[in-house]
Amino acid sequence: MRSLLVLALLGTPALADDLDPEALKRLVHQDCGSCHGLTLKGGLGPDLRVETLAHYDREGLASVILYGVPGTPMPPWEPLMSDAEALWIAEYLLTGESE
């Protein structure tokens, strides 16, 4: 398991050059939206709007994204994305930019 703490300490700005924000936004709205609803208000998966995610911090939400939630339909995305991408998505969802 890669350490999200290390990435959190480094911060995402140093890693920003490696990320494609537009591709990550599309992934959130299309791939995540296929279960969480295209408006991210919920569907098969729960609501992903800021007010419903308030109990998460960025690293905790990134961990859910990377490792999934056992016993639920939430799959682990770790085979398909990096820690930095998961942290970017978590920040995107937690700041309300996805709305």
PDB file of N, CA and C in Angstrom:
ATOM      1  N   MET A   1       0.842  -1.166   0.000  1.00  0.00           N
ATOM      2  CA  MET A   1       0.000   0.000   0.000  1.00  0.00           C
ATOM      3  C   MET A   1       0.897   1.242   0.000  1.00  0.00           C
ATOM      4  N   ARG A   2       0.722   2.089  -1.000  1.00  0.00           N
ATOM      5  CA  ARG A   2       1.490   3.331  -1.046  1.00  0.00           C
ATOM      6  C   ARG A   2       0.986   4.267   0.025  1.00  0.00           C
ATOM      7  N   SER A   3       1.845   5.112   0.503  1.00  0.00           N
ATOM      8  CA  SER A   3       1.486   5.985   1.611  1.00  0.00           C
ATOM      9  C   SER A   3       0.865   7.284   1.136  1.00  0.00           C
ATOM     10  N   LEU A   4      -0.413   7.478   1.453  1.00  0.00           N
ATOM     11  CA  LEU A   4      -1.070   8.743   1.154  1.00  0.00           C
ATOM     12  C   LEU A   4      -0.510   9.844   2.033  1.00  0.00           C
ATOM     13  N   LEU A   5      -0.015   9.486   3.215  1.00  0.00           N
ATOM     14  CA  LEU A   5       0.557  10.477   4.105  1.00  0.00           C
ATOM     15  C   LEU A   5       1.763  11.141   3.461  1.00  0.00           C
ATOM     16  N   VAL A   6       2.593  10.368   2.787  1.00  0.00           N
ATOM     17  CA  VAL A   6       3.761  10.934   2.116  1.00  0.00           C
ATOM     18  C   VAL A   6       3.310  11.937   1.066  1.00  0.00           C
ATOM     19  N   LEU A   7       2.322  11.576   0.265  1.00  0.00           N
ATOM     20  CA  LEU A   7       1.815  12.499  -0.745  1.00  0.00           C
ATOM     21  C   LEU A   7       1.172  13.713  -0.110  1.00  0.00           C
ATOM     22  N   ALA A   8       0.477  13.529   0.996  1.00  0.00           N
ATOM     23  CA  ALA A   8      -0.159  14.652   1.673  1.00  0.00           C
ATOM     24  C   ALA A   8       0.896  15.617   2.187  1.00  0.00           C
ATOM     25  N   LEU A   9       1.997  15.094   2.684  1.00  0.00           N
ATOM     26  CA  LEU A   9       3.060  15.951   3.182  1.00  0.00           C
ATOM     27  C   LEU A   9       3.758  16.686   2.039  1.00  0.00           C
ATOM     28  N   LEU A  10       3.898  16.016   0.899  1.00  0.00           N
ATOM     29  CA  LEU A  10       4.500  16.663  -0.254  1.00  0.00           C
ATOM     30  C   LEU A  10       3.556  17.694  -0.847  1.00  0.00           C
ATOM     31  N   GLY A  11       2.253  17.403  -0.744  1.00  0.00           N
ATOM     32  CA  GLY A  11       1.247  18.291  -1.323  1.00  0.00           C
ATOM     33  C   GLY A  11       1.072  18.006  -2.796  1.00  0.00           C
ATOM     34  N   THR A  12      -0.086  18.282  -3.316  1.00  0.00           N
ATOM     35  CA  THR A  12      -0.341  18.007  -4.718  1.00  0.00           C
ATOM     36  C   THR A  12       0.248  19.032  -5.675  1.00  0.00           C
ATOM     37  N   PRO A  13       0.537  20.296  -5.281  1.00  0.00           N
ATOM     38  CA  PRO A  13       1.085  21.216  -6.273  1.00  0.00           C
ATOM     39  C   PRO A  13       2.359  20.706  -6.933  1.00  0.00           C
ATOM     40  N   ALA A  14       3.222  20.049  -6.193  1.00  0.00           N
ATOM     41  CA  ALA A  14       4.455  19.527  -6.773  1.00  0.00           C
ATOM     42  C   ALA A  14       4.166  18.429  -7.785  1.00  0.00           C
ATOM     43  N   LEU A  15       3.024  17.802  -7.670  1.00  0.00           N
ATOM     44  CA  LEU A  15       2.672  16.709  -8.569  1.00  0.00           C
ATOM     45  C   LEU A  15       1.731  17.164  -9.680  1.00  0.00           C
ATOM     46  N   ALA A  16       1.319  18.427  -9.657  1.00  0.00           N
ATOM     47  CA  ALA A  16       0.296  18.920 -10.575  1.00  0.00           C
ATOM     48  C   ALA A  16       0.705  18.775 -12.037  1.00  0.00           C
ATOM     49  N   ASP A  17       1.987  18.888 -12.337  1.00  0.00           N
ATOM     50  CA  ASP A  17       2.428  18.775 -13.722  1.00  0.00           C
ATOM     51  C   ASP A  17       2.141  17.401 -14.312  1.00  0.00           C
ATOM     52  N   ASP A  18       2.035  16.388 -13.472  1.00  0.00           N
ATOM     53  CA  ASP A  18       1.806  15.030 -13.934  1.00  0.00           C
ATOM     54  C   ASP A  18       0.328  14.708 -14.114  1.00  0.00           C
ATOM     55  N   LEU A  19      -0.560  15.607 -13.669  1.00  0.00           N
ATOM     56  CA  LEU A  19      -1.990  15.329 -13.692  1.00  0.00           C
ATOM     57  C   LEU A  19      -2.663  16.026 -14.861  1.00  0.00           C
ATOM     58  N   ASP A  20      -3.758  15.440 -15.322  1.00  0.00           N
ATOM     59  CA  ASP A  20      -4.583  16.027 -16.381  1.00  0.00           C
ATOM     60  C   ASP A  20      -5.945  16.336 -15.771  1.00  0.00           C
ATOM     61  N   PRO A  21      -6.136  17.552 -15.237  1.00  0.00           N
ATOM     62  CA  PRO A  21      -7.385  17.882 -14.557  1.00  0.00           C
ATOM     63  C   PRO A  21      -8.633  17.662 -15.405  1.00  0.00           C
ATOM     64  N   GLU A  22      -8.571  17.971 -16.676  1.00  0.00           N
ATOM     65  CA  GLU A  22      -9.758  17.794 -17.525  1.00  0.00           C
ATOM     66  C   GLU A  22     -10.121  16.315 -17.660  1.00  0.00           C
ATOM     67  N   ALA A  23      -9.119  15.463 -17.792  1.00  0.00           N
ATOM     68  CA  ALA A  23      -9.374  14.017 -17.868  1.00  0.00           C
ATOM     69  C   ALA A  23      -9.930  13.504 -16.545  1.00  0.00           C
ATOM     70  N   LEU A  24      -9.406  14.023 -15.437  1.00  0.00           N
ATOM     71  CA  LEU A  24      -9.899  13.591 -14.125  1.00  0.00           C
ATOM     72  C   LEU A  24     -11.334  14.068 -13.891  1.00  0.00           C
ATOM     73  N   LYS A  25     -11.659  15.261 -14.330  1.00  0.00           N
ATOM     74  CA  LYS A  25     -13.051  15.748 -14.221  1.00  0.00           C
ATOM     75  C   LYS A  25     -13.986  14.853 -15.024  1.00  0.00           C
ATOM     76  N   ARG A  26     -13.566  14.493 -16.248  1.00  0.00           N
ATOM     77  CA  ARG A  26     -14.389  13.588 -17.071  1.00  0.00           C
ATOM     78  C   ARG A  26     -14.569  12.246 -16.378  1.00  0.00           C
ATOM     79  N   LEU A  27     -13.503  11.728 -15.787  1.00  0.00           N
ATOM     80  CA  LEU A  27     -13.586  10.449 -15.084  1.00  0.00           C
ATOM     81  C   LEU A  27     -14.613  10.542 -13.954  1.00  0.00           C
ATOM     82  N   VAL A  28     -14.561  11.622 -13.180  1.00  0.00           N
ATOM     83  CA  VAL A  28     -15.510  11.780 -12.072  1.00  0.00           C
ATOM     84  C   VAL A  28     -16.931  11.794 -12.598  1.00  0.00           C
ATOM     85  N   HIS A  29     -17.194  12.596 -13.611  1.00  0.00           N
ATOM     86  CA  HIS A  29     -18.576  12.764 -14.067  1.00  0.00           C
ATOM     87  C   HIS A  29     -19.078  11.592 -14.903  1.00  0.00           C
ATOM     88  N   GLN A  30     -18.200  10.906 -15.589  1.00  0.00           N
ATOM     89  CA  GLN A  30     -18.643   9.783 -16.405  1.00  0.00           C
ATOM     90  C   GLN A  30     -18.517   8.455 -15.673  1.00  0.00           C
ATOM     91  N   ASP A  31     -17.325   8.125 -15.229  1.00  0.00           N
ATOM     92  CA  ASP A  31     -17.117   6.820 -14.599  1.00  0.00           C
ATOM     93  C   ASP A  31     -17.732   6.767 -13.201  1.00  0.00           C
ATOM     94  N   CYS A  32     -17.406   7.740 -12.363  1.00  0.00           N
ATOM     95  CA  CYS A  32     -18.005   7.765 -11.016  1.00  0.00           C
ATOM     96  C   CYS A  32     -19.507   8.015 -11.131  1.00  0.00           C
ATOM     97  N   GLY A  33     -19.864   8.906 -12.073  1.00  0.00           N
ATOM     98  CA  GLY A  33     -21.264   9.250 -12.277  1.00  0.00           C
ATOM     99  C   GLY A  33     -22.124   8.080 -12.721  1.00  0.00           C
ATOM    100  N   SER A  34     -21.516   7.050 -13.298  1.00  0.00           N
ATOM    101  CA  SER A  34     -22.314   5.896 -13.722  1.00  0.00           C
ATOM    102  C   SER A  34     -22.948   5.181 -12.528  1.00  0.00           C
ATOM    103  N   CYS A  35     -22.341   5.283 -11.359  1.00  0.00           N
ATOM    104  CA  CYS A  35     -22.914   4.697 -10.142  1.00  0.00           C
ATOM    105  C   CYS A  35     -23.461   5.767  -9.187  1.00  0.00           C
ATOM    106  N   HIS A  36     -22.778   6.902  -9.126  1.00  0.00           N
ATOM    107  CA  HIS A  36     -23.150   7.934  -8.159  1.00  0.00           C
ATOM    108  C   HIS A  36     -24.103   8.959  -8.761  1.00  0.00           C
ATOM    109  N   GLY A  37     -24.558   8.710  -9.985  1.00  0.00           N
ATOM    110  CA  GLY A  37     -25.460   9.632 -10.668  1.00  0.00           C
ATOM    111  C   GLY A  37     -24.664  10.665 -11.452  1.00  0.00           C
ATOM    112  N   LEU A  38     -25.138  11.003 -12.638  1.00  0.00           N
ATOM    113  CA  LEU A  38     -24.394  11.931 -13.494  1.00  0.00           C
ATOM    114  C   LEU A  38     -24.254  13.313 -12.877  1.00  0.00           C
ATOM    115  N   THR A  39     -25.141  13.654 -11.948  1.00  0.00           N
ATOM    116  CA  THR A  39     -25.016  14.921 -11.218  1.00  0.00           C
ATOM    117  C   THR A  39     -24.356  14.695  -9.861  1.00  0.00           C
ATOM    118  N   LEU A  40     -23.916  13.469  -9.599  1.00  0.00           N
ATOM    119  CA  LEU A  40     -23.236  13.058  -8.363  1.00  0.00           C
ATOM    120  C   LEU A  40     -24.123  13.178  -7.131  1.00  0.00           C
ATOM    121  N   LYS A  41     -25.443  13.219  -7.350  1.00  0.00           N
ATOM    122  CA  LYS A  41     -26.389  13.326  -6.231  1.00  0.00           C
ATOM    123  C   LYS A  41     -26.807  11.969  -5.693  1.00  0.00           C
ATOM    124  N   GLY A  42     -26.214  10.920  -6.199  1.00  0.00           N
ATOM    125  CA  GLY A  42     -26.519   9.575  -5.723  1.00  0.00           C
ATOM    126  C   GLY A  42     -27.213   8.750  -6.776  1.00  0.00           C
ATOM    127  N   GLY A  43     -27.124   7.474  -6.626  1.00  0.00           N
ATOM    128  CA  GLY A  43     -27.703   6.488  -7.536  1.00  0.00           C
ATOM    129  C   GLY A  43     -27.476   5.149  -6.871  1.00  0.00           C
ATOM    130  N   LEU A  44     -26.811   4.232  -7.559  1.00  0.00           N
ATOM    131  CA  LEU A  44     -26.390   2.977  -6.937  1.00  0.00           C
ATOM    132  C   LEU A  44     -25.448   3.293  -5.781  1.00  0.00           C
ATOM    133  N   GLY A  45     -24.566   4.258  -5.999  1.00  0.00           N
ATOM    134  CA  GLY A  45     -23.645   4.720  -4.961  1.00  0.00           C
ATOM    135  C   GLY A  45     -24.190   5.973  -4.302  1.00  0.00           C
ATOM    136  N   PRO A  46     -23.620   6.364  -3.165  1.00  0.00           N
ATOM    137  CA  PRO A  46     -24.133   7.523  -2.430  1.00  0.00           C
ATOM    138  C   PRO A  46     -23.835   8.864  -3.110  1.00  0.00           C
ATOM    139  N   ASP A  47     -24.492   9.880  -2.622  1.00  0.00           N
ATOM    140  CA  ASP A  47     -24.327  11.270  -3.013  1.00  0.00           C
ATOM    141  C   ASP A  47     -22.863  11.677  -2.805  1.00  0.00           C
ATOM    142  N   LEU A  48     -22.270  12.338  -3.800  1.00  0.00           N
ATOM    143  CA  LEU A  48     -20.872  12.768  -3.695  1.00  0.00           C
ATOM    144  C   LEU A  48     -20.736  14.285  -3.605  1.00  0.00           C
ATOM    145  N   ARG A  49     -21.810  14.962  -3.234  1.00  0.00           N
ATOM    146  CA  ARG A  49     -21.708  16.415  -3.098  1.00  0.00           C
ATOM    147  C   ARG A  49     -21.025  16.778  -1.788  1.00  0.00           C
ATOM    148  N   VAL A  50     -20.487  17.998  -1.762  1.00  0.00           N
ATOM    149  CA  VAL A  50     -19.678  18.482  -0.641  1.00  0.00           C
ATOM    150  C   VAL A  50     -20.347  18.270   0.714  1.00  0.00           C
ATOM    151  N   GLU A  51     -21.608  18.590   0.838  1.00  0.00           N
ATOM    152  CA  GLU A  51     -22.266  18.491   2.145  1.00  0.00           C
ATOM    153  C   GLU A  51     -22.371  17.053   2.654  1.00  0.00           C
ATOM    154  N   THR A  52     -22.411  16.096   1.763  1.00  0.00           N
ATOM    155  CA  THR A  52     -22.500  14.702   2.206  1.00  0.00           C
ATOM    156  C   THR A  52     -21.126  14.071   2.426  1.00  0.00           C
ATOM    157  N   LEU A  53     -20.094  14.747   1.945  1.00  0.00           N
ATOM    158  CA  LEU A  53     -18.728  14.234   2.128  1.00  0.00           C
ATOM    159  C   LEU A  53     -17.983  14.972   3.238  1.00  0.00           C
ATOM    160  N   ALA A  54     -18.655  15.851   3.941  1.00  0.00           N
ATOM    161  CA  ALA A  54     -18.018  16.715   4.942  1.00  0.00           C
ATOM    162  C   ALA A  54     -17.289  15.937   6.041  1.00  0.00           C
ATOM    163  N   HIS A  55     -17.679  14.697   6.283  1.00  0.00           N
ATOM    164  CA  HIS A  55     -17.022  13.911   7.335  1.00  0.00           C
ATOM    165  C   HIS A  55     -15.683  13.323   6.882  1.00  0.00           C
ATOM    166  N   TYR A  56     -15.332  13.500   5.620  1.00  0.00           N
ATOM    167  CA  TYR A  56     -14.047  13.013   5.100  1.00  0.00           C
ATOM    168  C   TYR A  56     -13.016  14.132   5.056  1.00  0.00           C
ATOM    169  N   ASP A  57     -11.756  13.760   5.250  1.00  0.00           N
ATOM    170  CA  ASP A  57     -10.676  14.660   4.874  1.00  0.00           C
ATOM    171  C   ASP A  57     -10.158  14.158   3.519  1.00  0.00           C
ATOM    172  N   ARG A  58      -9.281  14.912   2.914  1.00  0.00           N
ATOM    173  CA  ARG A  58      -8.809  14.573   1.566  1.00  0.00           C
ATOM    174  C   ARG A  58      -8.159  13.196   1.511  1.00  0.00           C
ATOM    175  N   GLU A  59      -7.319  12.890   2.485  1.00  0.00           N
ATOM    176  CA  GLU A  59      -6.607  11.604   2.463  1.00  0.00           C
ATOM    177  C   GLU A  59      -7.567  10.440   2.696  1.00  0.00           C
ATOM    178  N   GLY A  60      -8.541  10.614   3.574  1.00  0.00           N
ATOM    179  CA  GLY A  60      -9.515   9.556   3.835  1.00  0.00           C
ATOM    180  C   GLY A  60     -10.361   9.248   2.617  1.00  0.00           C
ATOM    181  N   LEU A  61     -10.810  10.300   1.934  1.00  0.00           N
ATOM    182  CA  LEU A  61     -11.614  10.090   0.732  1.00  0.00           C
ATOM    183  C   LEU A  61     -10.772   9.480  -0.383  1.00  0.00           C
ATOM    184  N   ALA A  62      -9.528   9.915  -0.508  1.00  0.00           N
ATOM    185  CA  ALA A  62      -8.636   9.319  -1.514  1.00  0.00           C
ATOM    186  C   ALA A  62      -8.433   7.830  -1.239  1.00  0.00           C
ATOM    187  N   SER A  63      -8.359   7.464   0.016  1.00  0.00           N
ATOM    188  CA  SER A  63      -8.207   6.059   0.378  1.00  0.00           C
ATOM    189  C   SER A  63      -9.430   5.244  -0.048  1.00  0.00           C
ATOM    190  N   VAL A  64     -10.616   5.796   0.143  1.00  0.00           N
ATOM    191  CA  VAL A  64     -11.845   5.118  -0.310  1.00  0.00           C
ATOM    192  C   VAL A  64     -11.804   4.944  -1.822  1.00  0.00           C
ATOM    193  N   ILE A  65     -11.384   5.978  -2.518  1.00  0.00           N
ATOM    194  CA  ILE A  65     -11.296   5.909  -3.980  1.00  0.00           C
ATOM    195  C   ILE A  65     -10.305   4.822  -4.396  1.00  0.00           C
ATOM    196  N   LEU A  66      -9.153   4.807  -3.784  1.00  0.00           N
ATOM    197  CA  LEU A  66      -8.116   3.849  -4.173  1.00  0.00           C
ATOM    198  C   LEU A  66      -8.437   2.411  -3.798  1.00  0.00           C
ATOM    199  N   TYR A  67      -8.972   2.207  -2.603  1.00  0.00           N
ATOM    200  CA  TYR A  67      -9.112   0.845  -2.086  1.00  0.00           C
ATOM    201  C   TYR A  67     -10.545   0.327  -2.053  1.00  0.00           C
ATOM    202  N   GLY A  68     -11.510   1.186  -2.422  1.00  0.00           N
ATOM    203  CA  GLY A  68     -12.899   0.750  -2.454  1.00  0.00           C
ATOM    204  C   GLY A  68     -13.469   0.558  -1.060  1.00  0.00           C
ATOM    205  N   VAL A  69     -14.679   0.022  -1.024  1.00  0.00           N
ATOM    206  CA  VAL A  69     -15.361  -0.257   0.249  1.00  0.00           C
ATOM    207  C   VAL A  69     -15.832  -1.704   0.204  1.00  0.00           C
ATOM    208  N   PRO A  70     -15.149  -2.593   0.930  1.00  0.00           N
ATOM    209  CA  PRO A  70     -15.539  -4.009   0.916  1.00  0.00           C
ATOM    210  C   PRO A  70     -17.004  -4.191   1.301  1.00  0.00           C
ATOM    211  N   GLY A  71     -17.647  -5.111   0.635  1.00  0.00           N
ATOM    212  CA  GLY A  71     -19.045  -5.420   0.927  1.00  0.00           C
ATOM    213  C   GLY A  71     -20.028  -4.469   0.271  1.00  0.00           C
ATOM    214  N   THR A  72     -19.511  -3.546  -0.552  1.00  0.00           N
ATOM    215  CA  THR A  72     -20.371  -2.620  -1.289  1.00  0.00           C
ATOM    216  C   THR A  72     -19.968  -2.660  -2.759  1.00  0.00           C
ATOM    217  N   PRO A  73     -20.738  -2.017  -3.616  1.00  0.00           N
ATOM    218  CA  PRO A  73     -20.348  -1.973  -5.036  1.00  0.00           C
ATOM    219  C   PRO A  73     -19.154  -1.060  -5.339  1.00  0.00           C
ATOM    220  N   MET A  74     -18.642  -0.317  -4.319  1.00  0.00           N
ATOM    221  CA  MET A  74     -17.522   0.600  -4.570  1.00  0.00           C
ATOM    222  C   MET A  74     -16.237  -0.189  -4.789  1.00  0.00           C
ATOM    223  N   PRO A  75     -15.735  -0.168  -6.052  1.00  0.00           N
ATOM    224  CA  PRO A  75     -14.529  -0.942  -6.366  1.00  0.00           C
ATOM    225  C   PRO A  75     -13.264  -0.177  -5.998  1.00  0.00           C
ATOM    226  N   PRO A  76     -12.154  -0.881  -5.876  1.00  0.00           N
ATOM    227  CA  PRO A  76     -10.878  -0.198  -5.708  1.00  0.00           C
ATOM    228  C   PRO A  76     -10.405   0.336  -7.062  1.00  0.00           C
ATOM    229  N   TRP A  77     -10.018   1.588  -7.098  1.00  0.00           N
ATOM    230  CA  TRP A  77      -9.516   2.195  -8.330  1.00  0.00           C
ATOM    231  C   TRP A  77      -7.992   2.187  -8.396  1.00  0.00           C
ATOM    232  N   GLU A  78      -7.336   1.652  -7.375  1.00  0.00           N
ATOM    233  CA  GLU A  78      -5.874   1.652  -7.320  1.00  0.00           C
ATOM    234  C   GLU A  78      -5.222   1.039  -8.569  1.00  0.00           C
ATOM    235  N   PRO A  79      -5.794  -0.008  -9.151  1.00  0.00           N
ATOM    236  CA  PRO A  79      -5.135  -0.543 -10.348  1.00  0.00           C
ATOM    237  C   PRO A  79      -5.175   0.415 -11.542  1.00  0.00           C
ATOM    238  N   LEU A  80      -6.066   1.420 -11.484  1.00  0.00           N
ATOM    239  CA  LEU A  80      -6.272   2.288 -12.638  1.00  0.00           C
ATOM    240  C   LEU A  80      -5.814   3.724 -12.446  1.00  0.00           C
ATOM    241  N   MET A  81      -5.454   4.105 -11.218  1.00  0.00           N
ATOM    242  CA  MET A  81      -5.037   5.491 -10.986  1.00  0.00           C
ATOM    243  C   MET A  81      -3.970   5.566  -9.913  1.00  0.00           C
ATOM    244  N   SER A  82      -3.275   6.676  -9.931  1.00  0.00           N
ATOM    245  CA  SER A  82      -2.199   6.902  -8.961  1.00  0.00           C
ATOM    246  C   SER A  82      -2.755   7.518  -7.678  1.00  0.00           C
ATOM    247  N   ASP A  83      -1.923   7.526  -6.660  1.00  0.00           N
ATOM    248  CA  ASP A  83      -2.291   8.194  -5.408  1.00  0.00           C
ATOM    249  C   ASP A  83      -2.558   9.674  -5.666  1.00  0.00           C
ATOM    250  N   ALA A  84      -1.715  10.301  -6.480  1.00  0.00           N
ATOM    251  CA  ALA A  84      -1.875  11.729  -6.772  1.00  0.00           C
ATOM    252  C   ALA A  84      -3.208  12.004  -7.455  1.00  0.00           C
ATOM    253  N   GLU A  85      -3.612  11.131  -8.365  1.00  0.00           N
ATOM    254  CA  GLU A  85      -4.908  11.301  -9.040  1.00  0.00           C
ATOM    255  C   GLU A  85      -6.058  11.152  -8.048  1.00  0.00           C
ATOM    256  N   ALA A  86      -5.970  10.166  -7.165  1.00  0.00           N
ATOM    257  CA  ALA A  86      -7.021   9.978  -6.164  1.00  0.00           C
ATOM    258  C   ALA A  86      -7.100  11.182  -5.223  1.00  0.00           C
ATOM    259  N   LEU A  87      -5.955  11.721  -4.833  1.00  0.00           N
ATOM    260  CA  LEU A  87      -5.949  12.920  -3.989  1.00  0.00           C
ATOM    261  C   LEU A  87      -6.553  14.113  -4.723  1.00  0.00           C
ATOM    262  N   TRP A  88      -6.262  14.254  -6.005  1.00  0.00           N
ATOM    263  CA  TRP A  88      -6.831  15.351  -6.792  1.00  0.00           C
ATOM    264  C   TRP A  88      -8.349  15.213  -6.853  1.00  0.00           C
ATOM    265  N   ILE A  89      -8.831  14.006  -7.120  1.00  0.00           N
ATOM    266  CA  ILE A  89     -10.279  13.768  -7.188  1.00  0.00           C
ATOM    267  C   ILE A  89     -10.932  14.050  -5.842  1.00  0.00           C
ATOM    268  N   ALA A  90     -10.311  13.597  -4.774  1.00  0.00           N
ATOM    269  CA  ALA A  90     -10.857  13.853  -3.433  1.00  0.00           C
ATOM    270  C   ALA A  90     -10.972  15.354  -3.184  1.00  0.00           C
ATOM    271  N   GLU A  91      -9.933  16.093  -3.504  1.00  0.00           N
ATOM    272  CA  GLU A  91      -9.947  17.553  -3.330  1.00  0.00           C
ATOM    273  C   GLU A  91     -11.038  18.179  -4.196  1.00  0.00           C
ATOM    274  N   TYR A  92     -11.176  17.725  -5.421  1.00  0.00           N
ATOM    275  CA  TYR A  92     -12.194  18.204  -6.353  1.00  0.00           C
ATOM    276  C   TYR A  92     -13.598  17.995  -5.771  1.00  0.00           C
ATOM    277  N   LEU A  93     -13.843  16.831  -5.211  1.00  0.00           N
ATOM    278  CA  LEU A  93     -15.158  16.554  -4.620  1.00  0.00           C
ATOM    279  C   LEU A  93     -15.377  17.326  -3.329  1.00  0.00           C
ATOM    280  N   LEU A  94     -14.357  17.470  -2.518  1.00  0.00           N
ATOM    281  CA  LEU A  94     -14.498  18.130  -1.214  1.00  0.00           C
ATOM    282  C   LEU A  94     -14.608  19.648  -1.301  1.00  0.00           C
ATOM    283  N   THR A  95     -14.147  20.234  -2.391  1.00  0.00           N
ATOM    284  CA  THR A  95     -14.220  21.681  -2.539  1.00  0.00           C
ATOM    285  C   THR A  95     -15.481  22.136  -3.246  1.00  0.00           C
ATOM    286  N   GLY A  96     -16.251  21.205  -3.769  1.00  0.00           N
ATOM    287  CA  GLY A  96     -17.483  21.576  -4.449  1.00  0.00           C
ATOM    288  C   GLY A  96     -17.289  21.994  -5.885  1.00  0.00           C
ATOM    289  N   GLU A  97     -16.082  21.883  -6.392  1.00  0.00           N
ATOM    290  CA  GLU A  97     -15.831  22.251  -7.786  1.00  0.00           C
ATOM    291  C   GLU A  97     -16.571  21.334  -8.759  1.00  0.00           C
ATOM    292  N   SER A  98     -16.951  20.149  -8.299  1.00  0.00           N
ATOM    293  CA  SER A  98     -17.617  19.182  -9.183  1.00  0.00           C
ATOM    294  C   SER A  98     -19.084  19.512  -9.401  1.00  0.00           C
ATOM    295  N   GLU A  99     -19.601  20.490  -8.661  1.00  0.00           N
ATOM    296  CA  GLU A  99     -21.032  20.822  -8.787  1.00  0.00           C
ATOM    297  C   GLU A  99     -21.273  21.809  -9.894  1.00  0.00           C
TER     298      GLU A  99
END
